[in-house]
Protein backbone atom coordinates (compact mmCIF):
# COMPACT_ATOMS: atom_id res chain seq x y z
CA MET A 1 -15.50 -8.04 -19.18
CA VAL A 2 -12.10 -8.87 -20.74
CA SER A 3 -10.65 -9.91 -17.14
CA PHE A 4 -13.52 -12.32 -16.96
CA PHE A 5 -12.55 -13.95 -20.28
CA GLY A 6 -9.02 -14.20 -19.02
CA ALA A 7 -10.05 -15.99 -15.92
CA VAL A 8 -12.30 -18.20 -17.84
CA LEU A 9 -9.69 -19.22 -20.20
CA LEU A 10 -7.22 -19.93 -17.50
CA SER A 11 -9.71 -22.16 -15.69
CA CYS A 12 -10.63 -23.94 -18.72
CA LEU A 13 -6.99 -24.51 -19.66
CA VAL A 14 -6.16 -25.70 -16.20
CA SER A 15 -9.30 -27.93 -15.86
CA SER A 16 -8.84 -29.54 -19.24
CA GLY A 17 -5.67 -31.62 -18.31
CA SER A 18 -2.63 -31.68 -16.01
CA ALA A 19 -0.70 -29.39 -18.26
CA ILE A 20 -0.70 -25.60 -17.37
CA PRO A 21 -1.31 -23.04 -20.03
CA ARG A 22 1.72 -21.93 -22.08
CA LEU A 23 2.57 -18.21 -22.32
CA GLY A 24 5.02 -16.23 -24.42
CA VAL A 25 6.19 -12.69 -24.04
CA VAL A 26 7.20 -10.56 -26.88
CA VAL A 27 8.19 -7.00 -27.04
CA MET A 28 6.63 -4.95 -29.76
CA GLN A 29 8.08 -1.50 -28.94
CA SER A 30 11.08 -0.57 -27.01
CA PRO A 31 12.89 2.79 -26.98
CA GLU A 32 16.55 3.17 -27.62
CA GLY A 33 18.72 2.56 -24.50
CA ILE A 34 16.31 -0.06 -23.04
CA ALA A 35 17.02 -3.82 -23.65
CA GLY A 36 13.55 -5.18 -24.52
CA GLY A 37 14.79 -8.79 -24.35
CA ASP A 38 15.70 -8.15 -20.66
CA VAL A 39 12.23 -6.87 -19.88
CA ALA A 40 10.56 -9.74 -21.46
CA ALA A 41 12.76 -12.21 -19.65
CA VAL A 42 11.94 -10.65 -16.17
CA THR A 43 8.31 -10.37 -16.91
CA ALA A 44 8.26 -14.05 -18.03
CA GLU A 45 9.92 -15.03 -14.90
CA VAL A 46 7.07 -13.65 -12.74
CA PHE A 47 4.49 -15.68 -14.60
CA SER A 48 6.70 -18.93 -14.54
CA GLU A 49 7.38 -18.45 -10.69
CA SER A 50 3.58 -18.03 -10.01
CA GLY A 51 3.10 -21.74 -11.00
CA ARG A 52 0.19 -20.93 -13.26
CA PHE A 53 1.91 -20.66 -16.67
CA GLU A 54 4.54 -22.45 -18.53
CA VAL A 55 6.83 -19.91 -20.39
CA GLY A 56 7.65 -20.76 -24.09
CA GLU A 57 10.37 -19.43 -25.92
CA ILE A 58 9.36 -17.33 -29.09
CA SER A 59 11.82 -17.65 -32.10
CA ASP A 60 13.76 -14.55 -32.95
CA SER A 61 12.89 -14.73 -36.62
CA LEU A 62 9.17 -13.98 -35.55
CA ALA A 63 8.90 -10.20 -34.68
CA ILE A 64 5.89 -7.91 -34.11
CA THR A 65 6.74 -4.23 -35.07
CA GLN A 66 4.45 -1.20 -34.43
CA GLY A 67 2.45 0.08 -37.22
CA GLU A 68 2.29 -2.97 -39.56
CA GLY A 69 -1.51 -3.13 -39.83
CA ASN A 70 -3.50 -6.06 -38.34
CA LEU A 71 -1.50 -7.85 -35.65
CA ILE A 72 -3.93 -10.77 -35.41
CA PRO A 73 -2.33 -12.88 -38.18
CA VAL A 74 1.05 -12.31 -36.70
CA ILE A 75 -0.11 -13.33 -33.25
CA GLN A 76 -1.67 -16.38 -34.62
CA GLN A 77 1.53 -17.43 -36.32
CA MET A 78 3.67 -16.86 -33.26
CA ALA A 79 1.25 -18.97 -31.15
CA ALA A 80 1.15 -21.81 -33.55
CA ALA A 81 4.92 -21.74 -34.13
CA SER A 82 5.75 -21.81 -30.33
CA ASP A 83 2.73 -23.82 -29.14
CA LEU A 84 1.38 -20.97 -26.99
CA ASP A 85 -1.97 -20.66 -25.38
CA ILE A 86 -1.64 -17.04 -24.52
CA LEU A 87 0.57 -14.30 -25.82
CA LEU A 88 1.69 -11.18 -24.08
CA VAL A 89 2.55 -8.14 -26.27
CA ILE A 90 4.62 -5.67 -24.51
CA SER A 91 5.05 -1.90 -25.31
CA ILE A 92 7.76 0.20 -23.36
CA ARG A 93 6.86 3.82 -23.69
CA LEU A 94 9.41 6.59 -24.00
CA PRO A 95 10.69 7.67 -20.66
CA GLU A 96 9.46 10.92 -19.14
CA GLU A 97 11.97 13.14 -17.37
CA SER A 98 11.39 16.07 -15.19
CA GLU A 99 13.76 18.22 -12.94
CA ARG A 100 13.51 19.91 -9.51
CA THR A 101 15.90 21.92 -7.60
CA THR A 102 16.48 21.26 -3.84
CA VAL A 103 18.76 22.83 -1.14
CA SER A 104 21.09 20.42 0.83
CA GLY A 105 22.96 22.21 3.42
CA ASP A 106 24.71 25.04 1.66
CA SER A 107 24.53 23.32 -1.81
CA VAL A 108 21.83 23.70 -4.47
CA MET A 109 21.15 20.33 -6.18
CA THR A 110 19.26 19.59 -9.21
CA LEU A 111 17.47 16.17 -9.33
CA GLN A 112 16.00 14.46 -12.24
CA ARG A 113 13.00 12.38 -11.89
CA THR A 114 12.62 9.59 -14.50
CA THR A 115 9.34 7.62 -15.20
CA VAL A 116 9.22 4.30 -17.31
CA GLU A 117 6.02 2.89 -18.10
CA VAL A 118 5.25 -0.63 -19.61
CA GLY A 119 2.01 -1.68 -21.03
CA GLY A 120 1.01 -5.22 -22.18
CA ARG A 121 -1.95 -6.86 -23.95
CA PHE A 122 -2.74 -10.36 -23.67
CA TYR A 123 -4.10 -12.44 -26.55
CA SER A 124 -5.23 -16.08 -26.81
CA SER A 125 -3.79 -18.29 -29.46
CA SER A 126 -6.62 -17.32 -31.87
CA GLY A 127 -5.97 -13.66 -31.54
CA LEU A 128 -8.71 -12.91 -29.05
CA LEU A 129 -7.89 -9.94 -26.80
CA LEU A 130 -8.04 -11.04 -23.13
CA GLY A 131 -7.13 -7.96 -21.36
CA SER A 132 -4.32 -5.49 -20.60
CA SER A 133 -2.05 -4.59 -17.77
CA GLU A 134 0.42 -1.88 -16.95
CA GLY A 135 3.41 -1.35 -14.68
CA THR A 136 5.36 1.83 -13.80
CA SER A 137 8.75 2.53 -12.32
CA TYR A 138 10.11 5.73 -10.85
CA ASP A 139 13.79 7.00 -10.07
CA GLU A 140 15.13 10.29 -8.81
CA ARG A 141 18.78 10.99 -8.69
CA SER A 142 21.38 13.70 -9.47
CA ILE A 143 21.26 14.96 -13.03
CA THR A 144 24.73 14.13 -13.45
CA VAL A 145 24.04 10.51 -12.89
CA PRO A 146 22.10 8.72 -15.48
CA ALA A 147 19.08 6.51 -14.65
CA ASP A 148 19.23 2.64 -15.27
CA LEU A 149 16.44 2.71 -17.88
CA THR A 150 16.57 -1.14 -18.45
CA GLY A 151 16.42 -1.83 -14.80
CA MET A 152 13.45 0.43 -14.43
CA ALA A 153 11.75 -1.12 -17.23
CA CYS A 154 12.38 -4.43 -15.81
CA GLU A 155 10.82 -3.36 -12.62
CA ALA A 156 7.75 -2.07 -14.34
CA GLY A 157 7.43 -5.21 -16.38
CA ALA A 158 7.55 -7.43 -13.08
CA GLU A 159 4.68 -5.00 -11.76
CA LEU A 160 2.75 -5.55 -15.09
CA ALA A 161 2.94 -9.39 -14.44
CA ASP A 162 1.87 -9.08 -10.86
CA ASN A 163 -1.06 -6.89 -11.63
CA ALA A 164 -2.33 -9.30 -14.44
CA LEU A 165 -2.08 -12.34 -12.09
CA LEU A 166 -4.39 -10.71 -9.85
CA GLN A 167 -6.80 -8.74 -12.27
CA LEU A 168 -6.70 -10.96 -15.39
CA PHE A 169 -5.81 -14.44 -14.41
CA PRO A 170 -6.90 -14.86 -10.75
CA ILE A 171 -7.11 -18.39 -9.31
CA GLU A 172 -10.86 -19.53 -9.47
CA ILE A 173 -11.83 -22.68 -7.69
CA ARG A 174 -15.21 -24.29 -7.28
CA PHE A 175 -15.84 -26.68 -4.18
CA THR A 176 -18.39 -27.72 -1.53
CA THR A 177 -17.93 -26.28 1.81
CA GLY A 178 -17.71 -28.25 5.27
CA GLU A 179 -18.26 -27.39 8.75
CA GLY A 180 -16.48 -24.66 10.92
CA SER A 181 -14.42 -21.70 10.18
CA THR A 182 -11.43 -23.68 8.71
CA VAL A 183 -12.24 -24.63 5.12
CA ALA A 184 -10.77 -27.57 3.39
CA ILE A 185 -10.05 -26.77 -0.36
CA PRO A 186 -9.62 -29.57 -3.06
CA ALA A 187 -6.67 -27.69 -4.81
CA GLY A 188 -3.38 -26.74 -3.77
CA SER A 189 0.01 -25.47 -4.89
CA ALA A 190 -0.29 -27.54 -8.29
CA ALA A 191 -3.15 -25.15 -9.13
CA GLY A 192 -1.20 -22.16 -8.08
CA ILE A 193 -2.52 -21.76 -4.46
CA ASP A 194 0.07 -20.44 -2.01
CA GLU A 195 0.02 -19.97 1.68
CA GLY A 196 -1.01 -16.35 2.57
CA MET A 197 -3.28 -16.00 -0.54
CA PHE A 198 -6.63 -14.60 -0.08
CA LEU A 199 -9.80 -15.91 -1.71
CA PHE A 200 -13.10 -14.13 -1.98
CA CYS A 201 -16.03 -16.80 -1.80
CA VAL A 202 -19.61 -16.48 -3.21
CA ALA A 203 -22.34 -19.02 -3.72
CA SER A 204 -22.69 -20.91 -6.94
CA ALA A 205 -25.94 -22.43 -7.49
CA GLN A 206 -26.05 -25.44 -9.83
CA GLU A 207 -29.87 -25.05 -10.31
CA ILE A 208 -32.88 -23.34 -9.00
CA PRO A 209 -33.21 -24.08 -5.15
CA ARG A 210 -35.78 -26.55 -4.39
CA THR A 211 -35.46 -26.59 -0.56
CA LEU A 212 -34.85 -24.23 2.31
CA ASP A 213 -31.33 -25.65 2.74
CA GLU A 214 -30.65 -25.01 -0.79
CA TYR A 215 -31.65 -21.50 -0.44
CA GLU A 216 -29.54 -21.16 2.68
CA HIS A 217 -26.55 -22.29 0.73
CA LEU A 218 -26.97 -19.24 -1.50
CA ARG A 219 -26.26 -17.01 1.46
CA SER A 220 -22.51 -18.15 1.41
CA ARG A 221 -20.23 -15.28 1.17
CA GLY A 222 -16.89 -14.49 2.79
CA LEU A 223 -13.07 -13.83 2.74
CA LEU A 224 -10.65 -16.82 3.12
CA GLN A 225 -6.94 -16.61 3.88
CA ILE A 226 -4.91 -19.82 2.96
CA ILE A 227 -3.05 -21.10 5.97
CA ASP A 228 -1.68 -24.25 4.69
CA SER A 229 -1.15 -25.48 1.15
CA GLU A 230 -0.11 -28.98 -0.15
CA PRO A 231 0.28 -30.03 -3.80
CA GLU A 232 -3.21 -31.36 -4.21
CA SER A 233 -5.12 -29.61 -1.35
CA SER A 234 -5.12 -26.44 0.88
CA THR A 235 -6.74 -24.96 3.91
CA GLY A 236 -8.20 -21.65 4.56
CA ARG A 237 -9.33 -19.70 7.47
CA LEU A 238 -12.57 -17.71 7.23
CA LEU A 239 -11.79 -14.00 8.02
CA SER A 240 -15.09 -12.61 7.24
CA GLY A 241 -18.56 -13.67 6.24
CA HIS A 242 -20.43 -17.12 6.48
CA LEU A 243 -20.22 -20.19 4.45
CA ALA A 244 -23.31 -22.50 4.67
CA PRO A 245 -22.11 -26.19 5.06
CA GLY A 246 -22.80 -28.50 2.12
CA GLY A 247 -23.22 -25.63 -0.25
CA MET A 248 -21.28 -25.18 -3.70
CA ILE A 249 -19.18 -21.82 -3.66
CA THR A 250 -16.79 -20.23 -6.22
CA ALA A 251 -13.52 -18.92 -4.64
CA ILE A 252 -11.55 -16.28 -6.67
CA GLU A 253 -8.14 -14.90 -5.62
CA HIS A 254 -8.37 -11.44 -4.00
CA GLY A 255 -5.67 -8.81 -3.01
CA ALA A 256 -4.68 -8.21 0.58
CA PRO A 257 -7.58 -6.70 2.49
CA ALA A 258 -7.23 -3.49 4.52
CA GLN A 259 -8.66 -2.54 7.91
CA LEU A 260 -9.94 1.16 8.49
CA VAL A 261 -10.08 1.98 12.29
CA ILE A 262 -11.75 5.08 13.93
CA ALA A 263 -11.36 4.98 17.69
CA TRP A 264 -11.55 7.05 20.71
CA ASP A 265 -8.19 7.58 22.37
CA ARG A 266 -7.40 8.36 25.74
CA ILE A 267 -3.88 9.15 26.92
CA PRO A 268 -3.16 9.90 30.46
CA VAL A 269 -0.46 12.57 31.03
CA SER A 270 1.41 13.98 34.03
CA LEU A 271 1.91 17.78 33.91
CA VAL A 272 4.50 19.99 35.56
CA GLU A 273 2.85 23.65 35.46
CA GLY A 274 5.13 26.67 34.47
CA GLU A 275 5.87 29.57 36.81
CA ASP A 276 3.65 32.68 37.18
CA LEU A 277 5.09 35.69 35.23
CA VAL A 278 3.28 37.94 37.88
CA PRO A 279 2.98 36.06 41.27
CA GLU A 280 -0.22 36.47 43.31
CA PRO A 281 0.06 38.27 46.48
CA GLY A 282 1.58 36.18 49.13
CA ASN A 283 3.47 34.12 46.61
CA GLY A 284 7.13 34.21 45.90
CA PRO A 285 8.76 34.60 42.50
CA ASP A 286 9.73 31.04 42.53
CA ASP A 287 6.34 29.64 43.29
CA GLY A 288 4.85 27.31 40.52
CA GLY A 289 6.14 24.05 38.89
CA SER A 290 3.48 21.99 40.70
CA ASP A 291 2.63 18.55 39.49
CA GLY A 292 -0.66 17.66 38.05
CA ASN A 293 -2.52 14.91 36.17
CA ALA A 294 -4.75 15.14 33.14
CA THR A 295 -6.24 13.14 30.40
CA MET A 296 -5.78 13.89 26.69
CA ASN A 297 -8.96 12.63 24.82
CA GLY A 298 -9.18 12.47 21.02
CA VAL A 299 -9.70 10.28 17.96
CA ARG A 300 -7.31 7.86 16.37
CA ILE A 301 -7.67 6.89 12.53
CA GLY A 302 -5.49 4.00 11.23
CA LEU A 303 -5.27 1.92 8.13
CA GLN A 304 -3.59 -1.51 7.99
CA SER A 305 -3.28 -4.45 5.86
CA PHE A 306 -2.95 -8.27 6.28
CA ARG A 307 -0.71 -10.80 4.99
CA TRP A 308 0.48 -14.16 6.31
CA GLY A 309 -1.43 -13.32 9.60
CA LEU A 310 0.68 -10.11 9.98
CA CYS A 311 -0.78 -6.86 10.21
CA PHE A 312 1.06 -3.74 9.28
CA GLY A 313 0.14 -0.03 8.78
CA GLY A 314 -0.16 3.38 10.43
CA VAL A 315 -2.34 5.32 12.92
CA VAL A 316 -2.89 9.15 13.12
CA THR A 317 -3.91 10.39 16.60
CA ALA A 318 -5.26 13.75 17.55
CA THR A 319 -5.95 14.41 21.40
CA THR A 320 -6.32 17.44 23.47
CA THR A 321 -6.71 18.79 27.09
CA ASP A 322 -6.75 22.34 28.58
CA ASN A 323 -4.29 24.44 26.67
CA LEU A 324 -2.56 21.50 25.32
CA SER A 325 -2.94 19.48 22.03
CA ASN A 326 -0.89 16.34 20.55
CA LEU A 327 -0.79 14.94 16.97
CA GLY A 328 0.69 11.48 16.96
CA ILE A 329 1.84 9.31 14.15
CA ASP A 330 2.42 5.48 14.91
CA LEU A 331 3.77 2.84 12.54
CA ARG A 332 2.68 -0.66 13.58
CA LEU A 333 3.69 -4.28 12.73
CA GLY A 334 2.15 -7.14 14.50
CA TYR A 335 0.29 -10.52 14.46
CA ARG A 336 -3.40 -11.24 14.37
CA VAL A 337 -4.47 -14.35 16.29
CA PRO A 338 -7.82 -15.70 15.57
CA ILE A 339 -9.80 -16.96 18.42
CA ALA A 340 -13.28 -17.67 17.11
CA THR A 341 -13.04 -17.00 13.38
CA PRO A 342 -14.47 -14.93 11.70
CA LYS A 343 -15.94 -13.04 14.83
CA LEU A 344 -13.15 -12.75 17.31
CA ALA A 345 -9.53 -12.15 17.11
CA VAL A 346 -6.67 -10.55 19.00
CA ARG A 347 -3.93 -8.29 17.66
CA PHE A 348 -0.52 -7.86 19.05
CA SER A 349 1.43 -4.93 17.34
CA ALA A 350 4.65 -2.80 18.02
CA GLY A 351 6.24 0.07 16.41
CA PRO A 352 7.84 3.64 16.78
CA GLU A 353 5.55 6.58 17.75
CA PHE A 354 6.16 10.12 17.02
CA GLY A 355 4.35 12.94 19.01
CA PHE A 356 4.06 16.56 18.13
CA LEU A 357 2.75 18.65 20.92
CA ILE A 358 1.59 22.25 20.97
CA GLN A 359 0.41 24.34 24.07
CA ASP A 360 -0.95 27.85 24.30
CA VAL A 361 1.26 30.46 25.89
CA PRO A 362 0.17 32.70 28.71
CA VAL A 363 2.06 35.68 27.50
CA THR A 364 1.07 38.12 24.94
CA TYR A 365 4.56 39.15 23.67
CA LEU A 366 5.22 35.80 21.91
CA GLN A 367 4.24 35.44 18.13
CA SER A 368 3.65 31.44 18.40
CA ASP A 369 2.41 28.82 20.52
CA ALA A 370 5.04 26.54 22.21
CA SER A 371 5.78 23.27 20.48
CA ALA A 372 7.82 20.04 21.42
CA VAL A 373 8.51 16.66 19.90
CA THR A 374 8.42 13.29 21.52
CA ILE A 375 9.79 9.90 20.15
CA GLY A 376 9.29 6.54 21.40
CA GLY A 377 7.95 3.03 20.94
CA ASN A 378 4.48 1.39 21.43
CA LEU A 379 3.42 -2.00 22.38
CA GLU A 380 -0.34 -2.83 21.88
CA ALA A 381 -2.78 -5.65 22.66
CA CYS A 382 -6.21 -5.20 21.01
CA PHE A 383 -9.26 -7.23 20.41
CA GLU A 384 -11.49 -7.32 17.42
CA TYR A 385 -15.17 -8.52 17.24
CA LEU A 386 -16.73 -8.46 13.86
CA VAL A 387 -20.41 -7.59 14.34
CA PHE A 388 -21.34 -7.58 10.49
CA GLU A 389 -19.51 -8.88 7.47
CA ARG A 390 -17.19 -5.93 7.28
CA LEU A 391 -17.95 -3.73 10.37
CA GLY A 392 -16.73 -4.51 13.94
CA ILE A 393 -15.63 -3.00 17.26
CA GLU A 394 -12.18 -3.05 18.71
CA GLY A 395 -10.71 -2.04 22.06
CA GLY A 396 -7.22 -2.30 23.41
CA LEU A 397 -4.49 -1.32 25.87
CA SER A 398 -0.95 -0.01 24.81
CA GLY A 399 2.09 0.77 26.52
CA TYR A 400 4.44 3.63 25.80
CA PHE A 401 8.15 4.20 26.29
CA GLY A 402 9.98 7.08 25.16
CA THR A 403 11.01 10.63 25.55
CA ASP A 404 8.90 13.31 27.43
CA ALA A 405 8.05 16.98 26.35
CA ASP A 406 10.38 18.83 28.67
CA SER A 407 11.86 21.46 26.17
CA TRP A 408 9.42 23.94 24.31
CA THR A 409 10.25 26.11 21.46
CA VAL A 410 8.66 29.50 21.08
CA GLN A 411 9.11 32.60 18.76
CA ASP A 412 9.16 36.25 20.14
CA GLN A 413 7.82 39.32 18.73
CA TYR A 414 11.05 39.84 16.74
CA GLY A 415 10.64 36.45 15.06
CA THR A 416 13.52 34.91 17.01
CA THR A 417 13.09 31.28 18.01
CA HIS A 418 14.29 30.19 21.40
CA GLU A 419 13.67 27.70 24.19
CA ALA A 420 10.77 28.69 26.38
CA GLU A 421 11.13 30.00 29.98
CA PRO A 422 9.16 28.38 32.73
CA TRP A 423 6.76 31.50 32.96
CA GLU A 424 6.17 31.52 29.19
CA VAL A 425 4.28 28.24 29.00
CA TYR A 426 1.53 26.54 30.99
CA TYR A 427 3.36 23.36 31.40
CA THR A 428 7.23 22.86 31.41
CA THR A 429 6.95 19.11 31.22
CA VAL A 430 4.48 16.89 29.90
CA GLU A 431 5.10 13.07 30.66
CA ARG A 432 3.14 10.28 29.09
CA ASP A 433 1.78 7.54 31.36
CA PRO A 434 2.88 4.23 30.47
CA LEU A 435 -0.60 2.88 29.60
CA ARG A 436 -3.37 4.19 27.33
CA THR A 437 -6.69 2.87 26.28
CA GLU A 438 -8.73 3.10 23.12
CA LEU A 439 -12.21 1.80 21.87
CA GLY A 440 -13.67 2.22 18.38
CA LEU A 441 -14.93 0.76 15.22
CA PHE A 442 -13.08 -0.99 12.29
CA TYR A 443 -14.29 -1.66 8.73
CA LEU A 444 -12.70 -4.19 6.52
CA ILE A 445 -12.01 -3.28 2.95
CA PHE A 446 -11.85 -6.01 0.23
């Protein structure tokens, strides 16, 4: 509820005239060793750079201290003396410290983890509480090297400001939609709208609908990303949902959406079989090592986010075939190209890929299965089709280039680890084919 009041106040202040609201930042509580003035300056800079606030200076003669009773009169005095619309009161909590011991080579090191938390409360000029926000900073270093507490508090203060801009004072715009998936918005950078920003849109009725078209306007709902921003206007691309032409909608700033992917994965591999420990009659001791092909089938689960048309995230893959399984970890960075928004898009991405392979062993004197690691890169082209507002299907083709699994590690009955002999494994070499395919579902989280 308090965040609603904050958004409404910001909208009213902006819409009431060309002047943007004035905000002041004051530190109420700061532990010894932390420069509260630096924290206030960094936090105020984030609000100033957003373009939504004008930062006002507060006289040093006006101070807020903890435990002096009712703060409202002091807040009102500060707001009046410095001509402020909003006042942010910051409290920097005592740093928390914990130690842990780790081994690095032949040395034992003691590391100290330091946590600094900064909390803030936002008040209107009349002393009305609009909401609160927090920021946290972590640092871990040798116990002999002291942490930069002021720098950590400044980082936490900047995080506090970023969270508040999105949660308490999001941009809110009302406008009439036009035709197509590219939406013209009658507000731009002067109102705080930047390229890459996401806006969540919902229908906004002026009165009770009287016609079928007006009822259709109430179905408007979707997610926009700003692709162009001028001082007085901007353009958004519809990523999800449907906006009825001619309907009034309310667009509110939203965080970056995420995409959850669950897909069937198919990895073709070429196998070189190991030698037989006990040759069959008629076969010599060097028989074996024949080539074969197989397909590793499994599931891949990925999570990625979008910003500026870029998609970045990671994928975990689990596949298996006879006597062999693979756990893969991929990191992806790419570009999402809209074709027929919001339904159809193509994603191109690339990144490193790590594979952890395990295969059964045909002998009984080994204590463990055989394991190997592959390292390589991945190039992917994938189409996405949004069937519903959030749920869609995807399919793609990717190319792999990297190492093969041709060295396997096993452990014998005495606990000794060594490289597997050809007769101790089913496959001496597992070679990834260059191409792989996937097909699955994705779900948009916003």
